[in-house]
PDB file of N, CA and C in Angstrom:
ATOM      1  N   MET A   1      84.322 132.449-179.960  1.00  0.00           N
ATOM      2  CA  MET A   1      85.324 131.889-180.680  1.00  0.00           C
ATOM      3  C   MET A   1      84.438 130.766-181.889  1.00  0.00           C
ATOM      4  N   ASP A   2      84.880 131.314-183.089  1.00  0.00           N
ATOM      5  CA  ASP A   2      84.399 130.083-183.879  1.00  0.00           C
ATOM      6  C   ASP A   2      85.013 129.097-184.279  1.00  0.00           C
ATOM      7  N   MET A   3      84.187 128.148-185.242  1.00  0.00           N
ATOM      8  CA  MET A   3      85.125 126.976-185.426  1.00  0.00           C
ATOM      9  C   MET A   3      86.222 127.338-186.702  1.00  0.00           C
ATOM     10  N   LYS A   4      86.367 128.295-187.168  1.00  0.00           N
ATOM     11  CA  LYS A   4      87.488 128.562-187.921  1.00  0.00           C
ATOM     12  C   LYS A   4      88.681 129.003-186.840  1.00  0.00           C
ATOM     13  N   ARG A   5      88.245 129.897-185.913  1.00  0.00           N
ATOM     14  CA  ARG A   5      89.768 129.756-185.104  1.00  0.00           C
ATOM     15  C   ARG A   5      89.979 128.748-184.204  1.00  0.00           C
ATOM     16  N   ILE A   6      88.964 127.666-183.821  1.00  0.00           N
ATOM     17  CA  ILE A   6      89.504 126.474-183.146  1.00  0.00           C
ATOM     18  C   ILE A   6      89.946 125.828-184.182  1.00  0.00           C
ATOM     19  N   ASP A   7      89.820 125.523-185.329  1.00  0.00           N
ATOM     20  CA  ASP A   7      91.058 124.683-186.228  1.00  0.00           C
ATOM     21  C   ASP A   7      92.236 125.652-186.696  1.00  0.00           C
ATOM     22  N   GLN A   8      92.262 126.519-186.257  1.00  0.00           N
ATOM     23  CA  GLN A   8      93.759 127.717-186.591  1.00  0.00           C
ATOM     24  C   GLN A   8      94.098 127.423-184.867  1.00  0.00           C
ATOM     25  N   ILE A   9      93.769 127.410-183.815  1.00  0.00           N
ATOM     26  CA  ILE A   9      94.302 126.832-182.539  1.00  0.00           C
ATOM     27  C   ILE A   9      94.796 125.842-182.535  1.00  0.00           C
ATOM     28  N   CYS A  10      94.061 124.569-182.924  1.00  0.00           N
ATOM     29  CA  CYS A  10      94.374 123.001-183.159  1.00  0.00           C
ATOM     30  C   CYS A  10      95.497 122.930-184.027  1.00  0.00           C
ATOM     31  N   ALA A  11      95.683 123.748-185.346  1.00  0.00           N
ATOM     32  CA  ALA A  11      96.753 123.472-186.324  1.00  0.00           C
ATOM     33  C   ALA A  11      98.034 124.227-185.397  1.00  0.00           C
ATOM     34  N   PHE A  12      98.083 125.342-185.023  1.00  0.00           N
ATOM     35  CA  PHE A  12      99.113 125.982-184.161  1.00  0.00           C
ATOM     36  C   PHE A  12      99.724 124.782-183.087  1.00  0.00           C
ATOM     37  N   ILE A  13      98.839 124.278-182.579  1.00  0.00           N
ATOM     38  CA  ILE A  13      99.238 123.060-181.823  1.00  0.00           C
ATOM     39  C   ILE A  13      99.591 121.758-181.481  1.00  0.00           C
ATOM     40  N   GLY A  14      98.969 121.284-183.400  1.00  0.00           N
ATOM     41  CA  GLY A  14      99.620 120.405-184.174  1.00  0.00           C
ATOM     42  C   GLY A  14     101.230 120.976-184.560  1.00  0.00           C
ATOM     43  N   GLU A  15     101.644 122.219-184.868  1.00  0.00           N
ATOM     44  CA  GLU A  15     102.633 122.366-185.348  1.00  0.00           C
ATOM     45  C   GLU A  15     103.659 121.840-184.361  1.00  0.00           C
ATOM     46  N   ARG A  16     103.092 121.887-183.176  1.00  0.00           N
ATOM     47  CA  ARG A  16     104.441 121.930-181.631  1.00  0.00           C
ATOM     48  C   ARG A  16     104.218 120.390-181.225  1.00  0.00           C
ATOM     49  N   VAL A  17     103.285 119.659-181.268  1.00  0.00           N
ATOM     50  CA  VAL A  17     102.687 118.607-180.279  1.00  0.00           C
ATOM     51  C   VAL A  17     102.682 117.197-181.754  1.00  0.00           C
ATOM     52  N   PRO A  18     103.561 116.901-181.602  1.00  0.00           N
ATOM     53  CA  PRO A  18     103.810 115.266-182.560  1.00  0.00           C
ATOM     54  C   PRO A  18     102.333 114.279-182.531  1.00  0.00           C
ATOM     55  N   TYR A  19     101.313 114.520-181.449  1.00  0.00           N
ATOM     56  CA  TYR A  19     100.603 113.407-181.203  1.00  0.00           C
ATOM     57  C   TYR A  19      99.206 114.045-180.839  1.00  0.00           C
ATOM     58  N   VAL A  20      98.341 113.200-180.612  1.00  0.00           N
ATOM     59  CA  VAL A  20      96.937 113.457-179.965  1.00  0.00           C
ATOM     60  C   VAL A  20      96.766 112.851-178.775  1.00  0.00           C
ATOM     61  N   PRO A  21      96.550 113.778-177.658  1.00  0.00           N
ATOM     62  CA  PRO A  21      96.403 113.257-176.356  1.00  0.00           C
ATOM     63  C   PRO A  21      95.369 112.250-176.015  1.00  0.00           C
ATOM     64  N   GLU A  22      95.726 111.290-174.992  1.00  0.00           N
ATOM     65  CA  GLU A  22      94.712 110.543-174.576  1.00  0.00           C
ATOM     66  C   GLU A  22      93.839 110.820-173.669  1.00  0.00           C
ATOM     67  N   VAL A  23      94.365 111.900-172.518  1.00  0.00           N
ATOM     68  CA  VAL A  23      93.746 112.788-172.168  1.00  0.00           C
ATOM     69  C   VAL A  23      94.355 114.133-171.651  1.00  0.00           C
ATOM     70  N   LEU A  24      93.160 114.731-170.954  1.00  0.00           N
ATOM     71  CA  LEU A  24      92.961 116.039-170.957  1.00  0.00           C
ATOM     72  C   LEU A  24      92.813 116.622-169.470  1.00  0.00           C
ATOM     73  N   VAL A  25      93.888 117.063-168.548  1.00  0.00           N
ATOM     74  CA  VAL A  25      93.556 117.465-167.309  1.00  0.00           C
ATOM     75  C   VAL A  25      93.941 118.803-167.383  1.00  0.00           C
ATOM     76  N   ILE A  26      92.594 119.444-166.320  1.00  0.00           N
ATOM     77  CA  ILE A  26      92.605 121.029-166.230  1.00  0.00           C
ATOM     78  C   ILE A  26      93.160 121.314-164.751  1.00  0.00           C
ATOM     79  N   LEU A  27      94.163 121.528-164.352  1.00  0.00           N
ATOM     80  CA  LEU A  27      94.817 121.580-163.277  1.00  0.00           C
ATOM     81  C   LEU A  27      94.264 123.018-162.686  1.00  0.00           C
ATOM     82  N   GLY A  28      93.717 122.673-161.121  1.00  0.00           N
ATOM     83  CA  GLY A  28      93.101 123.707-160.709  1.00  0.00           C
ATOM     84  C   GLY A  28      94.313 124.325-160.066  1.00  0.00           C
ATOM     85  N   SER A  29      93.429 125.189-158.680  1.00  0.00           N
ATOM     86  CA  SER A  29      94.823 125.731-157.678  1.00  0.00           C
ATOM     87  C   SER A  29      94.622 124.325-156.642  1.00  0.00           C
ATOM     88  N   GLY A  30      96.425 124.261-156.668  1.00  0.00           N
ATOM     89  CA  GLY A  30      96.979 123.181-156.033  1.00  0.00           C
ATOM     90  C   GLY A  30      97.020 121.895-156.206  1.00  0.00           C
ATOM     91  N   LEU A  31      97.144 121.850-157.600  1.00  0.00           N
ATOM     92  CA  LEU A  31      97.373 120.681-158.487  1.00  0.00           C
ATOM     93  C   LEU A  31      98.674 120.644-159.524  1.00  0.00           C
ATOM     94  N   GLY A  32      98.564 122.186-159.492  1.00  0.00           N
ATOM     95  CA  GLY A  32      99.673 122.802-160.431  1.00  0.00           C
ATOM     96  C   GLY A  32     100.948 122.037-160.650  1.00  0.00           C
ATOM     97  N   ALA A  33     101.187 121.685-159.631  1.00  0.00           N
ATOM     98  CA  ALA A  33     103.016 120.265-159.317  1.00  0.00           C
ATOM     99  C   ALA A  33     102.356 119.453-160.103  1.00  0.00           C
ATOM    100  N   MET A  34     101.574 118.985-160.410  1.00  0.00           N
ATOM    101  CA  MET A  34     101.160 117.378-161.279  1.00  0.00           C
ATOM    102  C   MET A  34     102.182 117.375-162.386  1.00  0.00           C
ATOM    103  N   ALA A  35     102.314 118.702-163.083  1.00  0.00           N
ATOM    104  CA  ALA A  35     102.440 119.094-164.353  1.00  0.00           C
ATOM    105  C   ALA A  35     104.112 118.691-164.525  1.00  0.00           C
ATOM    106  N   ASP A  36     104.598 118.671-163.119  1.00  0.00           N
ATOM    107  CA  ASP A  36     106.004 118.729-162.791  1.00  0.00           C
ATOM    108  C   ASP A  36     106.564 117.029-163.469  1.00  0.00           C
ATOM    109  N   GLU A  37     105.472 115.746-163.097  1.00  0.00           N
ATOM    110  CA  GLU A  37     105.662 114.457-163.546  1.00  0.00           C
ATOM    111  C   GLU A  37     105.852 114.625-164.555  1.00  0.00           C
ATOM    112  N   VAL A  38     105.603 115.584-165.858  1.00  0.00           N
ATOM    113  CA  VAL A  38     105.099 114.901-167.019  1.00  0.00           C
ATOM    114  C   VAL A  38     106.591 114.670-167.864  1.00  0.00           C
ATOM    115  N   GLU A  39     106.806 113.627-168.580  1.00  0.00           N
ATOM    116  CA  GLU A  39     107.946 113.679-169.181  1.00  0.00           C
ATOM    117  C   GLU A  39     107.850 113.840-170.742  1.00  0.00           C
ATOM    118  N   GLU A  40     108.936 113.847-171.083  1.00  0.00           N
ATOM    119  CA  GLU A  40     109.154 114.658-172.730  1.00  0.00           C
ATOM    120  C   GLU A  40     108.181 115.469-173.007  1.00  0.00           C
ATOM    121  N   LYS A  41     108.214 116.758-171.639  1.00  0.00           N
ATOM    122  CA  LYS A  41     107.385 118.295-172.112  1.00  0.00           C
ATOM    123  C   LYS A  41     107.528 119.127-173.501  1.00  0.00           C
ATOM    124  N   ILE A  42     106.458 119.527-173.224  1.00  0.00           N
ATOM    125  CA  ILE A  42     106.409 120.644-174.672  1.00  0.00           C
ATOM    126  C   ILE A  42     105.443 121.215-174.032  1.00  0.00           C
ATOM    127  N   VAL A  43     105.582 122.348-173.875  1.00  0.00           N
ATOM    128  CA  VAL A  43     105.222 123.644-172.886  1.00  0.00           C
ATOM    129  C   VAL A  43     104.577 124.428-174.136  1.00  0.00           C
ATOM    130  N   VAL A  44     103.392 125.191-174.205  1.00  0.00           N
ATOM    131  CA  VAL A  44     102.667 126.353-175.169  1.00  0.00           C
ATOM    132  C   VAL A  44     102.290 127.138-174.232  1.00  0.00           C
ATOM    133  N   LYS A  45     102.708 128.141-174.047  1.00  0.00           N
ATOM    134  CA  LYS A  45     102.088 129.312-173.195  1.00  0.00           C
ATOM    135  C   LYS A  45     100.491 130.023-173.874  1.00  0.00           C
ATOM    136  N   TYR A  46      99.404 130.012-173.295  1.00  0.00           N
ATOM    137  CA  TYR A  46      98.439 130.399-173.552  1.00  0.00           C
ATOM    138  C   TYR A  46      98.267 131.653-174.398  1.00  0.00           C
ATOM    139  N   GLU A  47      99.532 132.754-174.065  1.00  0.00           N
ATOM    140  CA  GLU A  47      99.808 134.049-174.889  1.00  0.00           C
ATOM    141  C   GLU A  47     100.284 134.064-175.944  1.00  0.00           C
ATOM    142  N   ASP A  48     101.168 132.801-176.177  1.00  0.00           N
ATOM    143  CA  ASP A  48     101.521 132.397-177.669  1.00  0.00           C
ATOM    144  C   ASP A  48     100.717 132.013-178.580  1.00  0.00           C
ATOM    145  N   ILE A  49      99.703 131.893-178.299  1.00  0.00           N
ATOM    146  CA  ILE A  49      98.172 131.217-179.282  1.00  0.00           C
ATOM    147  C   ILE A  49      97.420 132.187-179.251  1.00  0.00           C
ATOM    148  N   ASP A  50      97.664 132.844-180.808  1.00  0.00           N
ATOM    149  CA  ASP A  50      96.652 133.914-180.895  1.00  0.00           C
ATOM    150  C   ASP A  50      95.196 133.655-181.134  1.00  0.00           C
ATOM    151  N   GLY A  51      94.668 134.518-180.146  1.00  0.00           N
ATOM    152  CA  GLY A  51      93.136 134.615-179.661  1.00  0.00           C
ATOM    153  C   GLY A  51      92.717 133.755-178.473  1.00  0.00           C
ATOM    154  N   PHE A  52      93.795 133.018-178.372  1.00  0.00           N
ATOM    155  CA  PHE A  52      93.498 132.089-176.999  1.00  0.00           C
ATOM    156  C   PHE A  52      92.905 133.211-175.602  1.00  0.00           C
ATOM    157  N   LEU A  53      92.332 132.349-174.966  1.00  0.00           N
ATOM    158  CA  LEU A  53      92.039 133.145-173.496  1.00  0.00           C
ATOM    159  C   LEU A  53      93.218 133.059-172.863  1.00  0.00           C
ATOM    160  N   VAL A  54      93.804 134.267-171.886  1.00  0.00           N
ATOM    161  CA  VAL A  54      94.329 134.427-170.853  1.00  0.00           C
ATOM    162  C   VAL A  54      94.179 133.831-169.648  1.00  0.00           C
ATOM    163  N   SER A  55      94.973 133.345-168.428  1.00  0.00           N
ATOM    164  CA  SER A  55      94.246 132.471-167.832  1.00  0.00           C
ATOM    165  C   SER A  55      93.740 133.562-166.881  1.00  0.00           C
ATOM    166  N   THR A  56      92.792 133.639-165.989  1.00  0.00           N
ATOM    167  CA  THR A  56      92.411 134.861-165.293  1.00  0.00           C
ATOM    168  C   THR A  56      92.402 134.182-163.751  1.00  0.00           C
ATOM    169  N   VAL A  57      93.382 133.235-163.129  1.00  0.00           N
ATOM    170  CA  VAL A  57      93.297 133.243-162.029  1.00  0.00           C
ATOM    171  C   VAL A  57      94.861 133.484-161.362  1.00  0.00           C
ATOM    172  N   GLU A  58      95.024 134.309-160.770  1.00  0.00           N
ATOM    173  CA  GLU A  58      96.104 134.704-160.225  1.00  0.00           C
ATOM    174  C   GLU A  58      97.136 133.530-159.358  1.00  0.00           C
ATOM    175  N   GLY A  59      98.617 133.104-159.945  1.00  0.00           N
ATOM    176  CA  GLY A  59      99.239 132.479-159.500  1.00  0.00           C
ATOM    177  C   GLY A  59      99.710 131.356-160.438  1.00  0.00           C
ATOM    178  N   HIS A  60      98.653 131.016-161.492  1.00  0.00           N
ATOM    179  CA  HIS A  60      98.415 129.981-162.535  1.00  0.00           C
ATOM    180  C   HIS A  60      99.477 130.320-163.702  1.00  0.00           C
ATOM    181  N   ALA A  61      99.866 128.980-163.662  1.00  0.00           N
ATOM    182  CA  ALA A  61     100.821 129.596-165.247  1.00  0.00           C
ATOM    183  C   ALA A  61     100.549 130.131-166.320  1.00  0.00           C
ATOM    184  N   GLY A  62      99.163 129.292-166.739  1.00  0.00           N
ATOM    185  CA  GLY A  62      98.953 130.177-168.116  1.00  0.00           C
ATOM    186  C   GLY A  62      99.110 129.504-169.272  1.00  0.00           C
ATOM    187  N   GLN A  63      99.587 128.004-169.358  1.00  0.00           N
ATOM    188  CA  GLN A  63     100.338 127.610-170.387  1.00  0.00           C
ATOM    189  C   GLN A  63      99.356 125.768-170.417  1.00  0.00           C
ATOM    190  N   PHE A  64      99.660 125.224-171.810  1.00  0.00           N
ATOM    191  CA  PHE A  64      99.635 123.426-171.901  1.00  0.00           C
ATOM    192  C   PHE A  64     100.927 122.839-171.525  1.00  0.00           C
ATOM    193  N   VAL A  65     101.001 121.856-170.833  1.00  0.00           N
ATOM    194  CA  VAL A  65     102.127 121.063-171.066  1.00  0.00           C
ATOM    195  C   VAL A  65     101.410 119.660-171.767  1.00  0.00           C
ATOM    196  N   PHE A  66     102.493 119.360-172.267  1.00  0.00           N
ATOM    197  CA  PHE A  66     102.055 118.432-173.238  1.00  0.00           C
ATOM    198  C   PHE A  66     103.070 116.850-172.833  1.00  0.00           C
ATOM    199  N   GLY A  67     102.989 116.135-172.922  1.00  0.00           N
ATOM    200  CA  GLY A  67     103.973 114.845-172.524  1.00  0.00           C
ATOM    201  C   GLY A  67     103.368 113.407-172.135  1.00  0.00           C
ATOM    202  N   THR A  68     104.346 112.999-171.584  1.00  0.00           N
ATOM    203  CA  THR A  68     103.997 111.429-170.916  1.00  0.00           C
ATOM    204  C   THR A  68     103.727 111.559-169.665  1.00  0.00           C
ATOM    205  N   TYR A  69     102.641 111.078-169.069  1.00  0.00           N
ATOM    206  CA  TYR A  69     102.266 110.699-167.822  1.00  0.00           C
ATOM    207  C   TYR A  69     101.577 109.504-167.211  1.00  0.00           C
ATOM    208  N   LYS A  70     102.819 108.689-166.485  1.00  0.00           N
ATOM    209  CA  LYS A  70     102.554 107.607-166.138  1.00  0.00           C
ATOM    210  C   LYS A  70     101.975 106.399-167.481  1.00  0.00           C
ATOM    211  N   GLY A  71     102.560 106.495-168.679  1.00  0.00           N
ATOM    212  CA  GLY A  71     102.299 106.081-169.479  1.00  0.00           C
ATOM    213  C   GLY A  71     101.116 106.202-170.257  1.00  0.00           C
ATOM    214  N   LYS A  72     100.589 107.621-170.428  1.00  0.00           N
ATOM    215  CA  LYS A  72      99.547 108.244-171.126  1.00  0.00           C
ATOM    216  C   LYS A  72     100.157 109.390-171.700  1.00  0.00           C
ATOM    217  N   LYS A  73      99.634 109.678-173.130  1.00  0.00           N
ATOM    218  CA  LYS A  73      99.955 110.975-173.711  1.00  0.00           C
ATOM    219  C   LYS A  73      98.830 112.067-173.137  1.00  0.00           C
ATOM    220  N   VAL A  74      99.513 112.814-172.552  1.00  0.00           N
ATOM    221  CA  VAL A  74      98.557 113.827-171.955  1.00  0.00           C
ATOM    222  C   VAL A  74      98.389 115.494-172.414  1.00  0.00           C
ATOM    223  N   ALA A  75      97.983 116.400-172.360  1.00  0.00           N
ATOM    224  CA  ALA A  75      97.574 117.543-172.383  1.00  0.00           C
ATOM    225  C   ALA A  75      97.101 118.050-170.811  1.00  0.00           C
ATOM    226  N   MET A  76      98.147 119.134-170.199  1.00  0.00           N
ATOM    227  CA  MET A  76      97.628 119.204-168.908  1.00  0.00           C
ATOM    228  C   MET A  76      97.534 121.380-169.031  1.00  0.00           C
ATOM    229  N   MET A  77      96.543 121.460-168.609  1.00  0.00           N
ATOM    230  CA  MET A  77      96.070 123.104-168.699  1.00  0.00           C
ATOM    231  C   MET A  77      96.306 123.592-167.158  1.00  0.00           C
ATOM    232  N   GLN A  78      98.023 124.376-167.152  1.00  0.00           N
ATOM    233  CA  GLN A  78      97.760 124.997-166.063  1.00  0.00           C
ATOM    234  C   GLN A  78      97.272 126.451-166.405  1.00  0.00           C
ATOM    235  N   GLY A  79      96.084 126.482-165.710  1.00  0.00           N
ATOM    236  CA  GLY A  79      95.976 127.603-165.733  1.00  0.00           C
ATOM    237  C   GLY A  79      94.192 127.521-165.967  1.00  0.00           C
ATOM    238  N   ARG A  80      92.925 128.346-165.703  1.00  0.00           N
ATOM    239  CA  ARG A  80      92.247 128.142-166.174  1.00  0.00           C
ATOM    240  C   ARG A  80      91.194 129.364-166.587  1.00  0.00           C
ATOM    241  N   PHE A  81      90.027 129.343-166.526  1.00  0.00           N
ATOM    242  CA  PHE A  81      89.410 130.772-166.806  1.00  0.00           C
ATOM    243  C   PHE A  81      88.292 130.663-166.031  1.00  0.00           C
ATOM    244  N   HIS A  82      87.658 131.926-165.786  1.00  0.00           N
ATOM    245  CA  HIS A  82      86.347 132.100-164.996  1.00  0.00           C
ATOM    246  C   HIS A  82      86.140 133.531-165.407  1.00  0.00           C
ATOM    247  N   TYR A  83      84.731 133.127-165.665  1.00  0.00           N
ATOM    248  CA  TYR A  83      84.073 134.491-166.713  1.00  0.00           C
ATOM    249  C   TYR A  83      82.953 134.966-165.219  1.00  0.00           C
TER     250      TYR A  83
END
């Protein structure tokens, strides 16, 4: 993935999320429910982001969850990638 594509992905997400997250959490197996505690939730599915990878782990949601968690603006990745 080149920088042009990364800029396009950032712009796509920026059109949907009105802030820059303070924290990014990658939710692995057993941690997916943590996203249920996010308030003011904005969900962006990986499959909706042109050119973005799709989660390769069965049972992982394959989406970003943006919102507020314990007073912090967060981005959580539900579903990660294995190469």
